[in-house]
PDB file of all heavy atoms in Angstrom:
ATOM      1  N   TYR A   1      -3.938  11.516 -14.205  1.00  0.00           N
ATOM      2  CA  TYR A   1      -4.357  10.466 -13.277  1.00  0.00           C
ATOM      3  C   TYR A   1      -3.105   9.833 -12.676  1.00  0.00           C
ATOM      4  O   TYR A   1      -2.072   9.721 -13.339  1.00  0.00           O
ATOM      5  CB  TYR A   1      -5.147   9.377 -14.001  1.00  0.00           C
ATOM      6  CG  TYR A   1      -6.406   9.850 -14.690  1.00  0.00           C
ATOM      7  CD1 TYR A   1      -6.366  10.331 -15.998  1.00  0.00           C
ATOM      8  CD2 TYR A   1      -7.638   9.782 -14.050  1.00  0.00           C
ATOM      9  CE1 TYR A   1      -7.523  10.745 -16.637  1.00  0.00           C
ATOM     10  CE2 TYR A   1      -8.799  10.207 -14.687  1.00  0.00           C
ATOM     11  CZ  TYR A   1      -8.730  10.690 -15.981  1.00  0.00           C
ATOM     12  OH  TYR A   1      -9.871  11.111 -16.614  1.00  0.00           O
ATOM     13  N   GLY A   2      -3.206   9.379 -11.448  1.00  0.00           N
ATOM     14  CA  GLY A   2      -2.101   8.677 -10.823  1.00  0.00           C
ATOM     15  C   GLY A   2      -2.589   7.401 -10.173  1.00  0.00           C
ATOM     16  O   GLY A   2      -3.652   7.383  -9.533  1.00  0.00           O
ATOM     17  N   ALA A   3      -1.857   6.303 -10.347  1.00  0.00           N
ATOM     18  CA  ALA A   3      -2.222   5.019  -9.755  1.00  0.00           C
ATOM     19  C   ALA A   3      -1.696   4.956  -8.322  1.00  0.00           C
ATOM     20  O   ALA A   3      -0.481   4.954  -8.090  1.00  0.00           O
ATOM     21  CB  ALA A   3      -1.649   3.879 -10.583  1.00  0.00           C
ATOM     22  N   PHE A   4      -2.607   4.919  -7.367  1.00  0.00           N
ATOM     23  CA  PHE A   4      -2.257   4.896  -5.949  1.00  0.00           C
ATOM     24  C   PHE A   4      -2.996   3.744  -5.263  1.00  0.00           C
ATOM     25  O   PHE A   4      -3.801   3.040  -5.880  1.00  0.00           O
ATOM     26  CB  PHE A   4      -2.648   6.218  -5.276  1.00  0.00           C
ATOM     27  CG  PHE A   4      -1.797   7.391  -5.686  1.00  0.00           C
ATOM     28  CD1 PHE A   4      -2.137   8.157  -6.796  1.00  0.00           C
ATOM     29  CD2 PHE A   4      -0.668   7.740  -4.963  1.00  0.00           C
ATOM     30  CE1 PHE A   4      -1.366   9.247  -7.180  1.00  0.00           C
ATOM     31  CE2 PHE A   4       0.117   8.823  -5.344  1.00  0.00           C
ATOM     32  CZ  PHE A   4      -0.233   9.576  -6.450  1.00  0.00           C
ATOM     33  N   LEU A   5      -2.740   3.585  -3.978  1.00  0.00           N
ATOM     34  CA  LEU A   5      -3.441   2.580  -3.183  1.00  0.00           C
ATOM     35  C   LEU A   5      -4.801   3.082  -2.719  1.00  0.00           C
ATOM     36  O   LEU A   5      -5.567   2.345  -2.109  1.00  0.00           O
ATOM     37  CB  LEU A   5      -2.593   2.156  -1.983  1.00  0.00           C
ATOM     38  CG  LEU A   5      -1.278   1.447  -2.318  1.00  0.00           C
ATOM     39  CD1 LEU A   5      -0.502   1.138  -1.052  1.00  0.00           C
ATOM     40  CD2 LEU A   5      -1.550   0.164  -3.104  1.00  0.00           C
ATOM     41  N   GLU A   6      -5.067   4.362  -2.968  1.00  0.00           N
ATOM     42  CA  GLU A   6      -6.370   4.925  -2.645  1.00  0.00           C
ATOM     43  C   GLU A   6      -6.787   5.830  -3.790  1.00  0.00           C
ATOM     44  O   GLU A   6      -5.973   6.164  -4.639  1.00  0.00           O
ATOM     45  CB  GLU A   6      -6.337   5.719  -1.330  1.00  0.00           C
ATOM     46  CG  GLU A   6      -5.632   7.079  -1.403  1.00  0.00           C
ATOM     47  CD  GLU A   6      -4.119   7.007  -1.485  1.00  0.00           C
ATOM     48  OE1 GLU A   6      -3.551   5.986  -1.064  1.00  0.00           O
ATOM     49  OE2 GLU A   6      -3.514   7.981  -1.984  1.00  0.00           O
ATOM     50  N   GLY A   7      -8.062   6.211  -3.825  1.00  0.00           N
ATOM     51  CA  GLY A   7      -8.549   7.064  -4.896  1.00  0.00           C
ATOM     52  C   GLY A   7      -9.798   6.478  -5.520  1.00  0.00           C
ATOM     53  O   GLY A   7     -10.451   5.584  -4.959  1.00  0.00           O
ATOM     54  N   ASP A   8     -10.183   6.987  -6.690  1.00  0.00           N
ATOM     55  CA  ASP A   8     -11.383   6.509  -7.370  1.00  0.00           C
ATOM     56  C   ASP A   8     -11.185   5.085  -7.887  1.00  0.00           C
ATOM     57  O   ASP A   8     -10.134   4.753  -8.444  1.00  0.00           O
ATOM     58  CB  ASP A   8     -11.720   7.417  -8.564  1.00  0.00           C
ATOM     59  CG  ASP A   8     -12.049   8.835  -8.131  1.00  0.00           C
ATOM     60  OD1 ASP A   8     -12.486   9.013  -6.971  1.00  0.00           O
ATOM     61  OD2 ASP A   8     -11.865   9.754  -8.958  1.00  0.00           O
ATOM     62  N   ASP A   9     -12.195   4.256  -7.709  1.00  0.00           N
ATOM     63  CA  ASP A   9     -12.192   2.883  -8.215  1.00  0.00           C
ATOM     64  C   ASP A   9     -12.104   2.931  -9.747  1.00  0.00           C
ATOM     65  O   ASP A   9     -12.915   3.587 -10.403  1.00  0.00           O
ATOM     66  CB  ASP A   9     -13.476   2.203  -7.767  1.00  0.00           C
ATOM     67  CG  ASP A   9     -13.563   0.730  -8.159  1.00  0.00           C
ATOM     68  OD1 ASP A   9     -12.925   0.329  -9.154  1.00  0.00           O
ATOM     69  OD2 ASP A   9     -14.287  -0.006  -7.481  1.00  0.00           O
ATOM     70  N   VAL A  10     -11.119   2.236 -10.337  1.00  0.00           N
ATOM     71  CA  VAL A  10     -10.949   2.281 -11.803  1.00  0.00           C
ATOM     72  C   VAL A  10     -12.173   1.756 -12.545  1.00  0.00           C
ATOM     73  O   VAL A  10     -12.406   2.116 -13.695  1.00  0.00           O
ATOM     74  CB  VAL A  10      -9.698   1.502 -12.271  1.00  0.00           C
ATOM     75  CG1 VAL A  10      -8.431   2.152 -11.801  1.00  0.00           C
ATOM     76  CG2 VAL A  10      -9.764   0.040 -11.847  1.00  0.00           C
ATOM     77  N   HIS A  11     -12.968   0.895 -11.895  1.00  0.00           N
ATOM     78  CA  HIS A  11     -14.120   0.308 -12.566  1.00  0.00           C
ATOM     79  C   HIS A  11     -15.264   1.305 -12.730  1.00  0.00           C
ATOM     80  O   HIS A  11     -16.175   1.078 -13.533  1.00  0.00           O
ATOM     81  CB  HIS A  11     -14.616  -0.912 -11.793  1.00  0.00           C
ATOM     82  CG  HIS A  11     -13.578  -1.975 -11.638  1.00  0.00           C
ATOM     83  ND1 HIS A  11     -12.861  -2.474 -12.696  1.00  0.00           N
ATOM     84  CD2 HIS A  11     -13.123  -2.645 -10.540  1.00  0.00           C
ATOM     85  CE1 HIS A  11     -12.018  -3.399 -12.270  1.00  0.00           C
ATOM     86  NE2 HIS A  11     -12.151  -3.514 -10.971  1.00  0.00           N
ATOM     87  N   SER A  12     -15.247   2.371 -11.962  1.00  0.00           N
ATOM     88  CA  SER A  12     -16.332   3.349 -12.040  1.00  0.00           C
ATOM     89  C   SER A  12     -15.806   4.780 -12.104  1.00  0.00           C
ATOM     90  O   SER A  12     -16.558   5.724 -11.863  1.00  0.00           O
ATOM     91  CB  SER A  12     -17.259   3.190 -10.827  1.00  0.00           C
ATOM     92  OG  SER A  12     -16.519   3.297  -9.615  1.00  0.00           O
ATOM     93  N   ALA A  13     -14.537   4.942 -12.446  1.00  0.00           N
ATOM     94  CA  ALA A  13     -13.913   6.269 -12.415  1.00  0.00           C
ATOM     95  C   ALA A  13     -14.439   7.195 -13.496  1.00  0.00           C
ATOM     96  O   ALA A  13     -14.379   8.413 -13.358  1.00  0.00           O
ATOM     97  CB  ALA A  13     -12.392   6.141 -12.541  1.00  0.00           C
ATOM     98  N   GLY A  14     -14.946   6.635 -14.593  1.00  0.00           N
ATOM     99  CA  GLY A  14     -15.441   7.488 -15.671  1.00  0.00           C
ATOM    100  C   GLY A  14     -14.338   8.327 -16.286  1.00  0.00           C
ATOM    101  O   GLY A  14     -14.390   9.547 -16.311  1.00  0.00           O
ATOM    102  N   PHE A  15     -13.307   7.674 -16.811  1.00  0.00           N
ATOM    103  CA  PHE A  15     -12.154   8.355 -17.376  1.00  0.00           C
ATOM    104  C   PHE A  15     -12.555   9.318 -18.495  1.00  0.00           C
ATOM    105  O   PHE A  15     -13.434   9.016 -19.301  1.00  0.00           O
ATOM    106  CB  PHE A  15     -11.168   7.340 -17.966  1.00  0.00           C
ATOM    107  CG  PHE A  15     -10.459   6.507 -16.945  1.00  0.00           C
ATOM    108  CD1 PHE A  15     -10.968   5.278 -16.557  1.00  0.00           C
ATOM    109  CD2 PHE A  15      -9.280   6.952 -16.377  1.00  0.00           C
ATOM    110  CE1 PHE A  15     -10.310   4.487 -15.621  1.00  0.00           C
ATOM    111  CE2 PHE A  15      -8.618   6.175 -15.437  1.00  0.00           C
ATOM    112  CZ  PHE A  15      -9.128   4.945 -15.057  1.00  0.00           C
ATOM    113  N   ALA A  16     -11.883  10.454 -18.543  1.00  0.00           N
ATOM    114  CA  ALA A  16     -12.037  11.364 -19.675  1.00  0.00           C
ATOM    115  C   ALA A  16     -11.425  10.735 -20.918  1.00  0.00           C
ATOM    116  O   ALA A  16     -10.608   9.817 -20.839  1.00  0.00           O
ATOM    117  CB  ALA A  16     -11.368  12.701 -19.369  1.00  0.00           C
ATOM    118  N   GLN A  17     -11.808  11.236 -22.079  1.00  0.00           N
ATOM    119  CA  GLN A  17     -11.275  10.697 -23.340  1.00  0.00           C
ATOM    120  C   GLN A  17      -9.778  10.921 -23.445  1.00  0.00           C
ATOM    121  O   GLN A  17      -9.050  10.107 -24.004  1.00  0.00           O
ATOM    122  CB  GLN A  17     -11.976  11.342 -24.530  1.00  0.00           C
ATOM    123  CG  GLN A  17     -11.568  10.739 -25.867  1.00  0.00           C
ATOM    124  CD  GLN A  17     -12.331  11.341 -27.027  1.00  0.00           C
ATOM    125  OE1 GLN A  17     -13.028  12.328 -26.868  1.00  0.00           O
ATOM    126  NE2 GLN A  17     -12.192  10.751 -28.199  1.00  0.00           N
ATOM    127  N   ALA A  18      -9.304  12.042 -22.916  1.00  0.00           N
ATOM    128  CA  ALA A  18      -7.879  12.373 -22.992  1.00  0.00           C
ATOM    129  C   ALA A  18      -7.313  12.522 -21.584  1.00  0.00           C
ATOM    130  O   ALA A  18      -8.030  12.824 -20.632  1.00  0.00           O
ATOM    131  CB  ALA A  18      -7.671  13.662 -23.771  1.00  0.00           C
ATOM    132  N   GLY A  19      -6.025  12.328 -21.469  1.00  0.00           N
ATOM    133  CA  GLY A  19      -5.368  12.493 -20.184  1.00  0.00           C
ATOM    134  C   GLY A  19      -4.028  11.794 -20.159  1.00  0.00           C
ATOM    135  O   GLY A  19      -3.553  11.271 -21.172  1.00  0.00           O
ATOM    136  N   ILE A  20      -3.431  11.782 -18.985  1.00  0.00           N
ATOM    137  CA  ILE A  20      -2.154  11.096 -18.756  1.00  0.00           C
ATOM    138  C   ILE A  20      -2.319  10.241 -17.502  1.00  0.00           C
ATOM    139  O   ILE A  20      -2.804  10.729 -16.479  1.00  0.00           O
ATOM    140  CB  ILE A  20      -1.002  12.098 -18.529  1.00  0.00           C
ATOM    141  CG1 ILE A  20      -0.855  13.031 -19.732  1.00  0.00           C
ATOM    142  CG2 ILE A  20       0.314  11.366 -18.262  1.00  0.00           C
ATOM    143  CD1 ILE A  20       0.099  14.194 -19.489  1.00  0.00           C
ATOM    144  N   VAL A  21      -1.939   8.973 -17.584  1.00  0.00           N
ATOM    145  CA  VAL A  21      -1.972   8.088 -16.424  1.00  0.00           C
ATOM    146  C   VAL A  21      -0.540   7.820 -15.979  1.00  0.00           C
ATOM    147  O   VAL A  21       0.271   7.301 -16.760  1.00  0.00           O
ATOM    148  CB  VAL A  21      -2.685   6.758 -16.739  1.00  0.00           C
ATOM    149  CG1 VAL A  21      -2.558   5.809 -15.547  1.00  0.00           C
ATOM    150  CG2 VAL A  21      -4.145   6.992 -17.059  1.00  0.00           C
ATOM    151  N   VAL A  22      -0.227   8.171 -14.734  1.00  0.00           N
ATOM    152  CA  VAL A  22       1.116   7.974 -14.184  1.00  0.00           C
ATOM    153  C   VAL A  22       1.163   6.646 -13.441  1.00  0.00           C
ATOM    154  O   VAL A  22       0.338   6.385 -12.558  1.00  0.00           O
ATOM    155  CB  VAL A  22       1.503   9.115 -13.224  1.00  0.00           C
ATOM    156  CG1 VAL A  22       2.942   8.929 -12.743  1.00  0.00           C
ATOM    157  CG2 VAL A  22       1.326  10.473 -13.897  1.00  0.00           C
ATOM    158  N   MET A  23       2.133   5.805 -13.805  1.00  0.00           N
ATOM    159  CA  MET A  23       2.376   4.543 -13.112  1.00  0.00           C
ATOM    160  C   MET A  23       3.695   4.657 -12.367  1.00  0.00           C
ATOM    161  O   MET A  23       4.705   5.094 -12.933  1.00  0.00           O
ATOM    162  CB  MET A  23       2.435   3.380 -14.112  1.00  0.00           C
ATOM    163  CG  MET A  23       1.207   3.237 -15.000  1.00  0.00           C
ATOM    164  SD  MET A  23      -0.330   2.990 -14.096  1.00  0.00           S
ATOM    165  CE  MET A  23      -0.002   1.435 -13.246  1.00  0.00           C
ATOM    166  N   GLY A  24       3.691   4.265 -11.096  1.00  0.00           N
ATOM    167  CA  GLY A  24       4.861   4.477 -10.254  1.00  0.00           C
ATOM    168  C   GLY A  24       5.866   3.345 -10.275  1.00  0.00           C
ATOM    169  O   GLY A  24       5.615   2.252 -10.810  1.00  0.00           O
ATOM    170  N   ASN A  25       6.995   3.611  -9.662  1.00  0.00           N
ATOM    171  CA  ASN A  25       8.078   2.641  -9.505  1.00  0.00           C
ATOM    172  C   ASN A  25       7.581   1.369  -8.821  1.00  0.00           C
ATOM    173  O   ASN A  25       6.729   1.415  -7.943  1.00  0.00           O
ATOM    174  CB  ASN A  25       9.195   3.303  -8.681  1.00  0.00           C
ATOM    175  CG  ASN A  25      10.284   2.345  -8.284  1.00  0.00           C
ATOM    176  OD1 ASN A  25      10.217   1.725  -7.230  1.00  0.00           O
ATOM    177  ND2 ASN A  25      11.302   2.231  -9.113  1.00  0.00           N
ATOM    178  N   GLU A  26       8.158   0.225  -9.218  1.00  0.00           N
ATOM    179  CA  GLU A  26       7.712  -1.071  -8.722  1.00  0.00           C
ATOM    180  C   GLU A  26       7.749  -1.167  -7.198  1.00  0.00           C
ATOM    181  O   GLU A  26       6.879  -1.799  -6.586  1.00  0.00           O
ATOM    182  CB  GLU A  26       8.589  -2.193  -9.312  1.00  0.00           C
ATOM    183  CG  GLU A  26       8.428  -2.388 -10.793  1.00  0.00           C
ATOM    184  CD  GLU A  26       9.424  -1.617 -11.639  1.00  0.00           C
ATOM    185  OE1 GLU A  26       9.939  -0.573 -11.154  1.00  0.00           O
ATOM    186  OE2 GLU A  26       9.687  -2.028 -12.774  1.00  0.00           O
ATOM    187  N   ALA A  27       8.732  -0.562  -6.564  1.00  0.00           N
ATOM    188  CA  ALA A  27       8.880  -0.688  -5.110  1.00  0.00           C
ATOM    189  C   ALA A  27       8.307   0.498  -4.345  1.00  0.00           C
ATOM    190  O   ALA A  27       7.771   0.335  -3.244  1.00  0.00           O
ATOM    191  CB  ALA A  27      10.359  -0.855  -4.755  1.00  0.00           C
TER     192      ALA A  27
END
């Protein structure tokens, strides 16, 4: 998973039990 300004809404994304979430640089 990657945190972007667009994509699936986190409130209804239905995350899998396992995975990797990538968080980007502050700027």
